[in-house]
């Protein structure tokens, strides 16, 4: 009974991670004078830029929605694991932030202070890393997990990345810091999704072997 939900969660998670990785690479190459080391991911679709609507509604919005749906499918199957459920709720801020940041794109340059739209964008951007980092820490507390330490280290690195992105001294490397932080969040999502699909495949194989 669980296999359909497991498979759906896995495919949605992989699609979300893969789409973001492709879009981040593709549009960084497409936009003239874009510097991925210095400029943030949000600046790919800053308000008023030529590809803003295409990137916000064709990349960031579906990435966020698919991530949220993947976690929702998983959440429904974990009534007996409250720690993991809390981790999923915290990690869902990653997808939620992508949805709201697509609806409220940043100002050109994505400043820490700016228009009302920029302030909403910054708020949900911060919630992404706070929720994602805390979620990884919670995943690392699951009893018996063989990857508890890497999860906890990743959670700390995500929260550190958020702090580093606000430091003026590191402004020239803000894009690189953000991409490394996003790689941790969506890298774990991709790994978990692949594990979900493997589990679903093994479950179906065992069912077909039964007399």
N, C-alpha and C. Protein backbone atom coordinates (compact mmCIF):
# COMPACT_ATOMS: atom_id res chain seq x y z
N UNK A 1 0.81 -1.21 0.00
CA UNK A 1 0.00 0.00 0.00
C UNK A 1 0.85 1.26 0.00
N UNK A 2 2.07 1.15 0.55
CA UNK A 2 2.89 2.34 0.65
C UNK A 2 3.69 2.62 -0.61
N UNK A 3 3.88 1.60 -1.46
CA UNK A 3 4.76 1.75 -2.61
C UNK A 3 4.40 2.90 -3.53
N UNK A 4 3.11 3.12 -3.87
CA UNK A 4 2.79 4.25 -4.74
C UNK A 4 3.23 5.58 -4.16
N UNK A 5 2.99 5.80 -2.85
CA UNK A 5 3.40 7.06 -2.23
C UNK A 5 4.92 7.19 -2.18
N UNK A 6 5.60 6.06 -1.89
CA UNK A 6 7.05 6.08 -1.86
C UNK A 6 7.61 6.44 -3.23
N UNK A 7 7.08 5.82 -4.27
CA UNK A 7 7.54 6.09 -5.62
C UNK A 7 7.28 7.54 -6.01
N UNK A 8 6.08 8.04 -5.70
CA UNK A 8 5.75 9.41 -6.06
C UNK A 8 6.67 10.39 -5.35
N UNK A 9 6.91 10.17 -4.06
CA UNK A 9 7.81 11.04 -3.31
C UNK A 9 9.20 11.02 -3.92
N UNK A 10 9.68 9.84 -4.29
CA UNK A 10 11.01 9.72 -4.88
C UNK A 10 11.13 10.44 -6.20
N UNK A 11 10.17 10.23 -7.09
CA UNK A 11 10.25 10.87 -8.41
C UNK A 11 10.11 12.39 -8.30
N UNK A 12 9.23 12.85 -7.42
CA UNK A 12 9.08 14.30 -7.25
C UNK A 12 10.36 14.93 -6.69
N UNK A 13 10.98 14.26 -5.71
CA UNK A 13 12.21 14.77 -5.14
C UNK A 13 13.34 14.83 -6.16
N UNK A 14 13.48 13.77 -6.95
CA UNK A 14 14.52 13.76 -7.98
C UNK A 14 14.24 14.80 -9.05
N UNK A 15 12.99 14.95 -9.44
CA UNK A 15 12.64 15.94 -10.45
C UNK A 15 12.93 17.35 -9.96
N UNK A 16 12.61 17.63 -8.70
CA UNK A 16 12.87 18.95 -8.12
C UNK A 16 14.36 19.25 -8.11
N UNK A 17 15.15 18.30 -7.63
CA UNK A 17 16.60 18.50 -7.55
C UNK A 17 17.22 18.62 -8.93
N UNK A 18 16.80 17.76 -9.85
CA UNK A 18 17.36 17.77 -11.19
C UNK A 18 17.01 19.03 -11.96
N UNK A 19 15.76 19.47 -11.83
CA UNK A 19 15.34 20.68 -12.53
C UNK A 19 16.11 21.89 -12.05
N UNK A 20 16.29 22.00 -10.74
CA UNK A 20 17.03 23.14 -10.20
C UNK A 20 18.48 23.12 -10.66
N UNK A 21 19.10 21.95 -10.63
CA UNK A 21 20.49 21.85 -11.06
C UNK A 21 20.64 22.25 -12.52
N UNK A 22 19.74 21.74 -13.37
CA UNK A 22 19.79 22.09 -14.79
C UNK A 22 19.54 23.58 -15.00
N UNK A 23 18.49 24.11 -14.38
CA UNK A 23 18.15 25.52 -14.57
C UNK A 23 19.22 26.45 -14.08
N UNK A 24 19.81 26.11 -12.95
CA UNK A 24 20.87 26.95 -12.39
C UNK A 24 22.05 27.02 -13.34
N UNK A 25 22.42 25.87 -13.91
CA UNK A 25 23.52 25.84 -14.87
C UNK A 25 23.14 26.54 -16.18
N UNK A 26 21.97 26.20 -16.71
CA UNK A 26 21.56 26.71 -18.02
C UNK A 26 21.42 28.23 -18.04
N UNK A 27 20.68 28.78 -17.09
CA UNK A 27 20.43 30.21 -17.11
C UNK A 27 21.65 31.02 -16.71
N UNK A 28 22.53 30.45 -15.90
CA UNK A 28 23.77 31.14 -15.58
C UNK A 28 24.64 31.29 -16.83
N UNK A 29 24.53 30.31 -17.76
CA UNK A 29 25.26 30.41 -19.02
C UNK A 29 24.55 31.31 -20.02
N UNK A 30 23.24 31.40 -19.90
CA UNK A 30 22.44 32.14 -20.89
C UNK A 30 22.50 33.64 -20.68
N UNK A 31 22.42 34.07 -19.43
CA UNK A 31 22.36 35.50 -19.14
C UNK A 31 23.72 36.15 -19.33
N UNK A 32 23.78 37.23 -20.10
CA UNK A 32 25.07 37.90 -20.31
C UNK A 32 25.54 38.60 -19.03
N UNK A 33 26.85 38.56 -18.81
CA UNK A 33 27.50 39.25 -17.70
C UNK A 33 27.06 38.74 -16.32
N UNK A 34 26.53 37.53 -16.28
CA UNK A 34 26.13 36.97 -15.00
C UNK A 34 27.32 36.25 -14.39
N UNK A 35 27.59 36.54 -13.12
CA UNK A 35 28.72 35.95 -12.40
C UNK A 35 28.19 35.05 -11.29
N UNK A 36 28.30 33.74 -11.48
CA UNK A 36 27.73 32.79 -10.52
C UNK A 36 28.46 32.80 -9.18
N UNK A 37 29.69 33.27 -9.15
CA UNK A 37 30.43 33.35 -7.89
C UNK A 37 29.94 34.53 -7.06
N UNK A 38 29.65 35.63 -7.71
CA UNK A 38 29.28 36.86 -7.01
C UNK A 38 27.77 37.00 -6.85
N UNK A 39 27.01 36.61 -7.86
CA UNK A 39 25.56 36.87 -7.87
C UNK A 39 24.78 35.67 -7.38
N UNK A 40 23.70 35.93 -6.67
CA UNK A 40 22.88 34.87 -6.10
C UNK A 40 22.02 34.19 -7.16
N UNK A 41 21.46 33.06 -6.80
CA UNK A 41 20.56 32.34 -7.70
C UNK A 41 19.34 33.20 -8.01
N UNK A 42 18.84 33.92 -7.01
CA UNK A 42 17.66 34.76 -7.21
C UNK A 42 17.88 35.83 -8.26
N UNK A 43 19.12 36.28 -8.43
CA UNK A 43 19.41 37.33 -9.40
C UNK A 43 19.27 36.86 -10.84
N UNK A 44 19.15 35.55 -11.04
CA UNK A 44 18.83 35.06 -12.37
C UNK A 44 17.47 35.58 -12.84
N UNK A 45 16.57 35.81 -11.88
CA UNK A 45 15.19 36.21 -12.23
C UNK A 45 14.77 37.46 -11.46
N UNK A 46 15.70 38.38 -11.27
CA UNK A 46 15.39 39.61 -10.55
C UNK A 46 14.27 40.37 -11.25
N UNK A 47 13.51 41.13 -10.47
CA UNK A 47 12.37 41.88 -10.99
C UNK A 47 12.80 42.80 -12.14
N UNK A 48 12.10 42.70 -13.26
CA UNK A 48 12.38 43.55 -14.39
C UNK A 48 13.39 43.02 -15.38
N UNK A 49 14.05 41.89 -15.08
CA UNK A 49 15.02 41.33 -16.00
C UNK A 49 14.31 40.55 -17.11
N UNK A 50 14.96 40.37 -18.28
CA UNK A 50 14.27 39.79 -19.45
C UNK A 50 13.67 38.41 -19.22
N UNK A 51 14.33 37.55 -18.45
CA UNK A 51 13.87 36.18 -18.28
C UNK A 51 13.21 35.94 -16.92
N UNK A 52 12.82 37.01 -16.26
CA UNK A 52 12.28 36.88 -14.90
C UNK A 52 11.08 35.96 -14.85
N UNK A 53 10.09 36.16 -15.70
CA UNK A 53 8.88 35.33 -15.65
C UNK A 53 9.18 33.89 -16.03
N UNK A 54 10.01 33.71 -17.05
CA UNK A 54 10.35 32.36 -17.49
C UNK A 54 11.04 31.56 -16.38
N UNK A 55 11.97 32.20 -15.67
CA UNK A 55 12.71 31.50 -14.63
C UNK A 55 11.87 31.34 -13.37
N UNK A 56 11.16 32.38 -12.97
CA UNK A 56 10.37 32.30 -11.75
C UNK A 56 9.25 31.27 -11.85
N UNK A 57 8.51 31.30 -12.97
CA UNK A 57 7.35 30.42 -13.09
C UNK A 57 7.64 29.11 -13.81
N UNK A 58 8.76 29.05 -14.53
CA UNK A 58 9.11 27.82 -15.23
C UNK A 58 10.19 27.01 -14.53
N UNK A 59 10.84 27.61 -13.52
CA UNK A 59 11.91 26.92 -12.80
C UNK A 59 11.67 26.94 -11.29
N UNK A 60 11.71 28.11 -10.69
CA UNK A 60 11.66 28.18 -9.23
C UNK A 60 10.32 27.70 -8.67
N UNK A 61 9.22 28.11 -9.28
CA UNK A 61 7.91 27.70 -8.78
C UNK A 61 7.71 26.19 -8.85
N UNK A 62 7.94 25.53 -10.00
CA UNK A 62 7.77 24.07 -10.02
C UNK A 62 8.76 23.34 -9.11
N UNK A 63 9.98 23.85 -8.97
CA UNK A 63 10.94 23.24 -8.05
C UNK A 63 10.37 23.24 -6.63
N UNK A 64 9.84 24.38 -6.20
CA UNK A 64 9.28 24.47 -4.86
C UNK A 64 8.06 23.60 -4.67
N UNK A 65 7.17 23.59 -5.64
CA UNK A 65 5.95 22.80 -5.52
C UNK A 65 6.26 21.30 -5.48
N UNK A 66 7.17 20.86 -6.33
CA UNK A 66 7.51 19.43 -6.35
C UNK A 66 8.19 19.00 -5.05
N UNK A 67 9.04 19.87 -4.51
CA UNK A 67 9.69 19.52 -3.24
C UNK A 67 8.67 19.40 -2.12
N UNK A 68 7.73 20.34 -2.06
CA UNK A 68 6.69 20.29 -1.02
C UNK A 68 5.82 19.06 -1.17
N UNK A 69 5.45 18.71 -2.39
CA UNK A 69 4.61 17.53 -2.62
C UNK A 69 5.36 16.25 -2.26
N UNK A 70 6.66 16.21 -2.57
CA UNK A 70 7.45 15.03 -2.22
C UNK A 70 7.46 14.82 -0.71
N UNK A 71 7.67 15.89 0.04
CA UNK A 71 7.70 15.77 1.49
C UNK A 71 6.32 15.46 2.06
N UNK A 72 5.27 16.00 1.43
CA UNK A 72 3.91 15.71 1.89
C UNK A 72 3.58 14.22 1.73
N UNK A 73 4.00 13.64 0.60
CA UNK A 73 3.77 12.20 0.39
C UNK A 73 4.48 11.38 1.45
N UNK A 74 5.72 11.77 1.76
CA UNK A 74 6.49 11.05 2.76
C UNK A 74 5.89 11.24 4.16
N UNK A 75 5.44 12.46 4.45
CA UNK A 75 4.91 12.79 5.78
C UNK A 75 3.72 11.91 6.12
N UNK A 76 2.88 11.63 5.14
CA UNK A 76 1.67 10.84 5.39
C UNK A 76 1.99 9.41 5.83
N UNK A 77 3.18 8.92 5.51
CA UNK A 77 3.52 7.53 5.81
C UNK A 77 4.31 7.37 7.11
N UNK A 78 4.48 8.47 7.86
CA UNK A 78 5.40 8.41 9.00
C UNK A 78 4.72 8.77 10.32
N UNK A 79 3.53 8.28 10.52
CA UNK A 79 2.80 8.60 11.74
C UNK A 79 3.48 8.07 12.99
N UNK A 80 4.31 7.03 12.85
CA UNK A 80 4.96 6.42 14.00
C UNK A 80 6.36 6.96 14.25
N UNK A 81 6.78 7.98 13.52
CA UNK A 81 8.13 8.52 13.66
C UNK A 81 8.06 10.04 13.81
N UNK A 82 7.79 10.55 15.01
CA UNK A 82 7.61 11.99 15.19
C UNK A 82 8.86 12.81 14.90
N UNK A 83 10.05 12.28 15.18
CA UNK A 83 11.28 13.03 14.91
C UNK A 83 11.45 13.27 13.41
N UNK A 84 11.23 12.22 12.63
CA UNK A 84 11.34 12.36 11.19
C UNK A 84 10.26 13.28 10.64
N UNK A 85 9.08 13.21 11.22
CA UNK A 85 7.99 14.09 10.78
C UNK A 85 8.34 15.56 11.03
N UNK A 86 8.92 15.85 12.20
CA UNK A 86 9.32 17.22 12.49
C UNK A 86 10.42 17.67 11.53
N UNK A 87 11.31 16.75 11.20
CA UNK A 87 12.36 17.08 10.24
C UNK A 87 11.79 17.42 8.87
N UNK A 88 10.80 16.65 8.44
CA UNK A 88 10.16 16.91 7.15
C UNK A 88 9.44 18.26 7.15
N UNK A 89 8.76 18.57 8.25
CA UNK A 89 8.08 19.87 8.34
C UNK A 89 9.09 21.01 8.26
N UNK A 90 10.21 20.88 8.97
CA UNK A 90 11.23 21.93 8.91
C UNK A 90 11.83 22.03 7.51
N UNK A 91 12.13 20.87 6.91
CA UNK A 91 12.76 20.87 5.59
C UNK A 91 11.81 21.38 4.51
N UNK A 92 10.50 21.32 4.77
CA UNK A 92 9.53 21.80 3.77
C UNK A 92 9.64 23.29 3.52
N UNK A 93 10.32 24.01 4.43
CA UNK A 93 10.53 25.44 4.21
C UNK A 93 11.41 25.70 3.00
N UNK A 94 12.18 24.70 2.59
CA UNK A 94 13.00 24.87 1.38
C UNK A 94 12.09 25.07 0.17
N UNK A 95 11.15 24.13 -0.03
CA UNK A 95 10.23 24.25 -1.15
C UNK A 95 9.29 25.43 -1.01
N UNK A 96 8.81 25.67 0.21
CA UNK A 96 7.92 26.81 0.44
C UNK A 96 8.61 28.12 0.08
N UNK A 97 9.89 28.24 0.43
CA UNK A 97 10.63 29.45 0.11
C UNK A 97 10.76 29.63 -1.39
N UNK A 98 10.98 28.56 -2.13
CA UNK A 98 11.09 28.68 -3.58
C UNK A 98 9.77 29.17 -4.19
N UNK A 99 8.66 28.71 -3.64
CA UNK A 99 7.36 29.16 -4.15
C UNK A 99 7.19 30.66 -3.93
N UNK A 100 7.44 31.12 -2.71
CA UNK A 100 7.22 32.53 -2.39
C UNK A 100 8.28 33.43 -3.05
N UNK A 101 9.50 32.93 -3.17
CA UNK A 101 10.53 33.75 -3.82
C UNK A 101 10.26 33.87 -5.33
N UNK A 102 9.58 32.87 -5.90
CA UNK A 102 9.17 32.98 -7.30
C UNK A 102 8.06 34.03 -7.45
N UNK A 103 7.15 34.07 -6.49
CA UNK A 103 6.04 35.03 -6.55
C UNK A 103 6.49 36.44 -6.19
N UNK A 104 7.55 36.55 -5.39
CA UNK A 104 8.08 37.85 -4.99
C UNK A 104 9.57 37.91 -5.34
N UNK A 105 9.88 38.13 -6.63
CA UNK A 105 11.28 38.12 -7.05
C UNK A 105 12.07 39.26 -6.41
N UNK A 106 13.37 39.07 -6.34
CA UNK A 106 14.23 40.05 -5.69
C UNK A 106 14.43 41.28 -6.57
N UNK A 107 14.91 42.35 -5.98
CA UNK A 107 15.34 43.52 -6.73
C UNK A 107 16.66 43.20 -7.44
N UNK A 108 17.01 43.93 -8.49
CA UNK A 108 18.32 43.75 -9.10
C UNK A 108 19.43 43.89 -8.06
N UNK A 109 20.34 42.92 -8.02
CA UNK A 109 21.39 42.92 -7.03
C UNK A 109 21.03 42.21 -5.75
N UNK A 110 19.75 41.90 -5.56
CA UNK A 110 19.24 41.22 -4.36
C UNK A 110 19.88 41.75 -3.08
N UNK A 111 19.62 43.03 -2.76
CA UNK A 111 20.24 43.63 -1.57
C UNK A 111 19.61 43.10 -0.28
N UNK A 112 20.32 43.26 0.81
CA UNK A 112 19.76 42.88 2.11
C UNK A 112 18.62 43.80 2.50
N UNK A 113 18.67 45.02 2.04
CA UNK A 113 17.58 45.98 2.22
C UNK A 113 17.12 46.44 0.85
N UNK A 114 15.82 46.61 0.68
CA UNK A 114 15.30 47.02 -0.62
C UNK A 114 13.82 47.29 -0.55
N UNK A 115 13.12 47.00 -1.64
CA UNK A 115 11.69 47.23 -1.72
C UNK A 115 10.93 46.27 -0.82
N UNK A 116 9.62 46.49 -0.68
CA UNK A 116 8.78 45.58 0.10
C UNK A 116 8.85 44.16 -0.46
N UNK A 117 8.94 44.09 -1.79
CA UNK A 117 9.04 42.78 -2.44
C UNK A 117 10.36 42.10 -2.06
N UNK A 118 11.42 42.87 -2.00
CA UNK A 118 12.72 42.32 -1.60
C UNK A 118 12.69 41.82 -0.16
N UNK A 119 12.00 42.53 0.70
CA UNK A 119 11.93 42.12 2.10
C UNK A 119 11.19 40.80 2.26
N UNK A 120 10.12 40.60 1.50
CA UNK A 120 9.41 39.31 1.53
C UNK A 120 10.32 38.22 0.99
N UNK A 121 11.01 38.53 -0.09
CA UNK A 121 11.94 37.58 -0.69
C UNK A 121 13.02 37.18 0.31
N UNK A 122 13.60 38.15 0.99
CA UNK A 122 14.65 37.87 1.97
C UNK A 122 14.12 37.05 3.14
N UNK A 123 12.90 37.35 3.58
CA UNK A 123 12.32 36.62 4.70
C UNK A 123 12.21 35.14 4.38
N UNK A 124 11.65 34.82 3.22
CA UNK A 124 11.48 33.41 2.87
C UNK A 124 12.82 32.76 2.50
N UNK A 125 13.75 33.55 1.98
CA UNK A 125 15.08 33.01 1.75
C UNK A 125 15.73 32.58 3.05
N UNK A 126 15.60 33.42 4.08
CA UNK A 126 16.16 33.05 5.39
C UNK A 126 15.45 31.83 5.97
N UNK A 127 14.13 31.76 5.82
CA UNK A 127 13.38 30.62 6.33
C UNK A 127 13.79 29.32 5.63
N UNK A 128 14.17 29.43 4.34
CA UNK A 128 14.64 28.24 3.63
C UNK A 128 15.84 27.61 4.33
N UNK A 129 16.83 28.45 4.64
CA UNK A 129 18.06 27.91 5.22
C UNK A 129 17.90 27.57 6.70
N UNK A 130 17.11 28.35 7.41
CA UNK A 130 16.83 28.00 8.81
C UNK A 130 16.08 26.68 8.90
N UNK A 131 15.02 26.55 8.10
CA UNK A 131 14.24 25.32 8.11
C UNK A 131 15.01 24.14 7.56
N UNK A 132 15.72 24.35 6.44
CA UNK A 132 16.48 23.26 5.85
C UNK A 132 17.60 22.79 6.75
N UNK A 133 18.33 23.74 7.35
CA UNK A 133 19.41 23.36 8.25
C UNK A 133 18.90 22.64 9.48
N UNK A 134 17.83 23.16 10.07
CA UNK A 134 17.24 22.52 11.25
C UNK A 134 16.69 21.14 10.90
N UNK A 135 16.09 21.03 9.72
CA UNK A 135 15.57 19.74 9.29
C UNK A 135 16.67 18.69 9.18
N UNK A 136 17.82 19.07 8.62
CA UNK A 136 18.93 18.13 8.52
C UNK A 136 19.43 17.71 9.91
N UNK A 137 19.45 18.67 10.83
CA UNK A 137 19.85 18.34 12.20
C UNK A 137 18.88 17.34 12.83
N UNK A 138 17.58 17.53 12.58
CA UNK A 138 16.60 16.60 13.11
C UNK A 138 16.74 15.22 12.47
N UNK A 139 16.98 15.17 11.17
CA UNK A 139 17.20 13.88 10.51
C UNK A 139 18.39 13.16 11.12
N UNK A 140 19.40 13.94 11.52
CA UNK A 140 20.58 13.35 12.12
C UNK A 140 20.36 12.81 13.52
N UNK A 141 19.21 13.11 14.11
CA UNK A 141 18.89 12.62 15.47
C UNK A 141 18.08 11.34 15.45
N UNK A 142 17.76 10.82 14.27
CA UNK A 142 16.96 9.61 14.19
C UNK A 142 17.78 8.44 14.73
N UNK A 143 17.27 7.72 15.72
CA UNK A 143 18.04 6.62 16.33
C UNK A 143 18.43 5.56 15.29
N UNK A 144 19.69 5.14 15.36
CA UNK A 144 20.17 4.07 14.49
C UNK A 144 20.57 4.50 13.10
N UNK A 145 20.49 5.78 12.79
CA UNK A 145 20.86 6.24 11.46
C UNK A 145 22.36 6.10 11.24
N UNK A 146 22.74 5.53 10.08
CA UNK A 146 24.15 5.36 9.76
C UNK A 146 24.76 6.62 9.16
N UNK A 147 23.94 7.60 8.88
CA UNK A 147 24.44 8.84 8.28
C UNK A 147 24.13 10.04 9.18
N UNK A 148 24.02 9.77 10.48
CA UNK A 148 23.65 10.83 11.42
C UNK A 148 24.68 11.95 11.43
N UNK A 149 25.95 11.60 11.49
CA UNK A 149 26.99 12.64 11.57
C UNK A 149 27.05 13.49 10.31
N UNK A 150 27.06 12.90 9.08
CA UNK A 150 27.02 13.75 7.88
C UNK A 150 25.80 14.67 7.82
N UNK A 151 24.65 14.17 8.28
CA UNK A 151 23.44 14.99 8.29
C UNK A 151 23.60 16.18 9.23
N UNK A 152 24.12 15.92 10.43
CA UNK A 152 24.30 17.00 11.40
C UNK A 152 25.32 18.02 10.91
N UNK A 153 26.41 17.54 10.33
CA UNK A 153 27.42 18.46 9.79
C UNK A 153 26.81 19.31 8.67
N UNK A 154 26.03 18.68 7.81
CA UNK A 154 25.38 19.42 6.71
C UNK A 154 24.42 20.47 7.26
N UNK A 155 23.68 20.12 8.31
CA UNK A 155 22.77 21.10 8.90
C UNK A 155 23.50 22.31 9.44
N UNK A 156 24.62 22.07 10.11
CA UNK A 156 25.42 23.18 10.63
C UNK A 156 25.98 24.02 9.49
N UNK A 157 26.44 23.36 8.41
CA UNK A 157 26.98 24.09 7.27
C UNK A 157 25.93 24.95 6.58
N UNK A 158 24.71 24.45 6.50
CA UNK A 158 23.62 25.24 5.90
C UNK A 158 23.36 26.50 6.71
N UNK A 159 23.29 26.35 8.02
CA UNK A 159 23.06 27.52 8.89
C UNK A 159 24.25 28.47 8.83
N UNK A 160 25.45 27.93 8.73
CA UNK A 160 26.64 28.77 8.59
C UNK A 160 26.62 29.52 7.26
N UNK A 161 26.18 28.82 6.21
CA UNK A 161 26.08 29.46 4.90
C UNK A 161 25.15 30.66 4.92
N UNK A 162 24.02 30.53 5.63
CA UNK A 162 23.10 31.65 5.76
C UNK A 162 23.79 32.84 6.42
N UNK A 163 24.54 32.58 7.49
CA UNK A 163 25.25 33.67 8.17
C UNK A 163 26.30 34.30 7.25
N UNK A 164 27.04 33.49 6.52
CA UNK A 164 28.09 34.00 5.64
C UNK A 164 27.52 34.88 4.53
N UNK A 165 26.31 34.53 4.03
CA UNK A 165 25.72 35.30 2.94
C UNK A 165 25.32 36.71 3.36
N UNK A 166 25.24 36.96 4.66
CA UNK A 166 24.86 38.29 5.15
C UNK A 166 26.08 39.16 5.47
N UNK A 167 27.29 38.59 5.38
CA UNK A 167 28.49 39.33 5.75
C UNK A 167 28.99 40.17 4.57
N UNK A 168 29.10 41.49 4.74
CA UNK A 168 29.58 42.34 3.64
C UNK A 168 30.95 41.93 3.12
N UNK A 169 31.82 41.42 4.00
CA UNK A 169 33.17 41.06 3.59
C UNK A 169 33.17 39.90 2.59
N UNK A 170 32.10 39.11 2.59
CA UNK A 170 32.00 37.97 1.67
C UNK A 170 31.03 38.23 0.52
N UNK A 171 30.66 39.48 0.31
CA UNK A 171 29.67 39.81 -0.71
C UNK A 171 30.12 39.39 -2.11
N UNK A 172 31.41 39.44 -2.39
CA UNK A 172 31.91 39.08 -3.72
C UNK A 172 31.85 37.57 -3.97
N UNK A 173 31.58 36.79 -2.92
CA UNK A 173 31.46 35.34 -3.07
C UNK A 173 30.09 34.83 -2.63
N UNK A 174 29.12 35.72 -2.58
CA UNK A 174 27.80 35.34 -2.07
C UNK A 174 27.14 34.28 -2.94
N UNK A 175 27.29 34.37 -4.25
CA UNK A 175 26.69 33.38 -5.14
C UNK A 175 27.28 32.00 -4.95
N UNK A 176 28.60 31.94 -4.77
CA UNK A 176 29.25 30.66 -4.56
C UNK A 176 28.82 30.03 -3.24
N UNK A 177 28.76 30.85 -2.19
CA UNK A 177 28.34 30.34 -0.88
C UNK A 177 26.91 29.79 -0.96
N UNK A 178 26.04 30.53 -1.64
CA UNK A 178 24.66 30.08 -1.75
C UNK A 178 24.56 28.77 -2.54
N UNK A 179 25.32 28.66 -3.61
CA UNK A 179 25.26 27.44 -4.41
C UNK A 179 25.78 26.23 -3.64
N UNK A 180 26.80 26.40 -2.84
CA UNK A 180 27.28 25.31 -2.01
C UNK A 180 26.23 24.91 -0.98
N UNK A 181 25.55 25.91 -0.41
CA UNK A 181 24.50 25.63 0.56
C UNK A 181 23.32 24.92 -0.08
N UNK A 182 22.90 25.40 -1.25
CA UNK A 182 21.80 24.76 -1.98
C UNK A 182 22.17 23.34 -2.38
N UNK A 183 23.43 23.11 -2.71
CA UNK A 183 23.88 21.77 -3.08
C UNK A 183 23.70 20.79 -1.93
N UNK A 184 23.93 21.25 -0.71
CA UNK A 184 23.71 20.39 0.45
C UNK A 184 22.24 20.05 0.60
N UNK A 185 21.38 21.06 0.50
CA UNK A 185 19.94 20.84 0.69
C UNK A 185 19.37 19.92 -0.38
N UNK A 186 19.63 20.25 -1.63
CA UNK A 186 19.04 19.46 -2.71
C UNK A 186 19.83 18.19 -2.99
N UNK A 187 21.09 18.16 -2.58
CA UNK A 187 21.83 16.91 -2.67
C UNK A 187 21.25 15.85 -1.76
N UNK A 188 20.94 16.23 -0.52
CA UNK A 188 20.30 15.28 0.41
C UNK A 188 18.91 14.90 -0.07
N UNK A 189 18.19 15.86 -0.66
CA UNK A 189 16.87 15.54 -1.20
C UNK A 189 16.98 14.50 -2.31
N UNK A 190 17.96 14.68 -3.19
CA UNK A 190 18.15 13.72 -4.28
C UNK A 190 18.54 12.35 -3.75
N UNK A 191 19.43 12.30 -2.76
CA UNK A 191 19.83 11.02 -2.19
C UNK A 191 18.66 10.30 -1.51
N UNK A 192 17.89 11.07 -0.74
CA UNK A 192 16.72 10.48 -0.07
C UNK A 192 15.70 9.99 -1.10
N UNK A 193 15.53 10.74 -2.17
CA UNK A 193 14.57 10.35 -3.21
C UNK A 193 15.01 9.08 -3.91
N UNK A 194 16.31 8.99 -4.19
CA UNK A 194 16.83 7.77 -4.82
C UNK A 194 16.64 6.57 -3.89
N UNK A 195 16.83 6.78 -2.59
CA UNK A 195 16.61 5.71 -1.62
C UNK A 195 15.15 5.29 -1.59
N UNK A 196 14.24 6.27 -1.71
CA UNK A 196 12.82 5.96 -1.73
C UNK A 196 12.47 5.09 -2.93
N UNK A 197 13.00 5.42 -4.09
CA UNK A 197 12.71 4.66 -5.30
C UNK A 197 13.29 3.25 -5.21
N UNK A 198 14.49 3.13 -4.63
CA UNK A 198 15.09 1.81 -4.44
C UNK A 198 14.23 0.96 -3.51
N UNK A 199 13.75 1.59 -2.43
CA UNK A 199 12.89 0.88 -1.47
C UNK A 199 11.61 0.42 -2.15
N UNK A 200 11.03 1.29 -2.98
CA UNK A 200 9.79 0.93 -3.67
C UNK A 200 10.03 -0.22 -4.65
N UNK A 201 11.16 -0.20 -5.34
CA UNK A 201 11.48 -1.26 -6.30
C UNK A 201 11.67 -2.59 -5.58
N UNK A 202 12.40 -2.56 -4.46
CA UNK A 202 12.62 -3.79 -3.70
C UNK A 202 11.30 -4.33 -3.16
N UNK A 203 10.43 -3.41 -2.68
CA UNK A 203 9.13 -3.84 -2.17
C UNK A 203 8.29 -4.52 -3.24
N UNK A 204 8.29 -3.95 -4.44
CA UNK A 204 7.52 -4.57 -5.53
C UNK A 204 8.10 -5.91 -5.93
N UNK A 205 9.44 -6.00 -5.92
CA UNK A 205 10.09 -7.26 -6.29
C UNK A 205 9.74 -8.36 -5.29
N UNK A 206 9.69 -8.00 -4.00
CA UNK A 206 9.37 -9.02 -2.99
C UNK A 206 7.93 -9.49 -3.11
N UNK A 207 7.03 -8.55 -3.48
CA UNK A 207 5.63 -8.92 -3.64
C UNK A 207 5.46 -9.89 -4.81
N UNK A 208 6.15 -9.64 -5.91
CA UNK A 208 6.01 -10.50 -7.09
C UNK A 208 6.59 -11.89 -6.86
N UNK A 209 7.54 -12.02 -5.90
CA UNK A 209 8.14 -13.32 -5.62
C UNK A 209 7.26 -14.18 -4.73
N UNK A 210 6.30 -13.56 -4.05
CA UNK A 210 5.46 -14.34 -3.15
C UNK A 210 4.53 -15.25 -3.94
N UNK A 211 4.32 -16.49 -3.47
CA UNK A 211 3.45 -17.43 -4.19
C UNK A 211 2.00 -17.00 -4.14
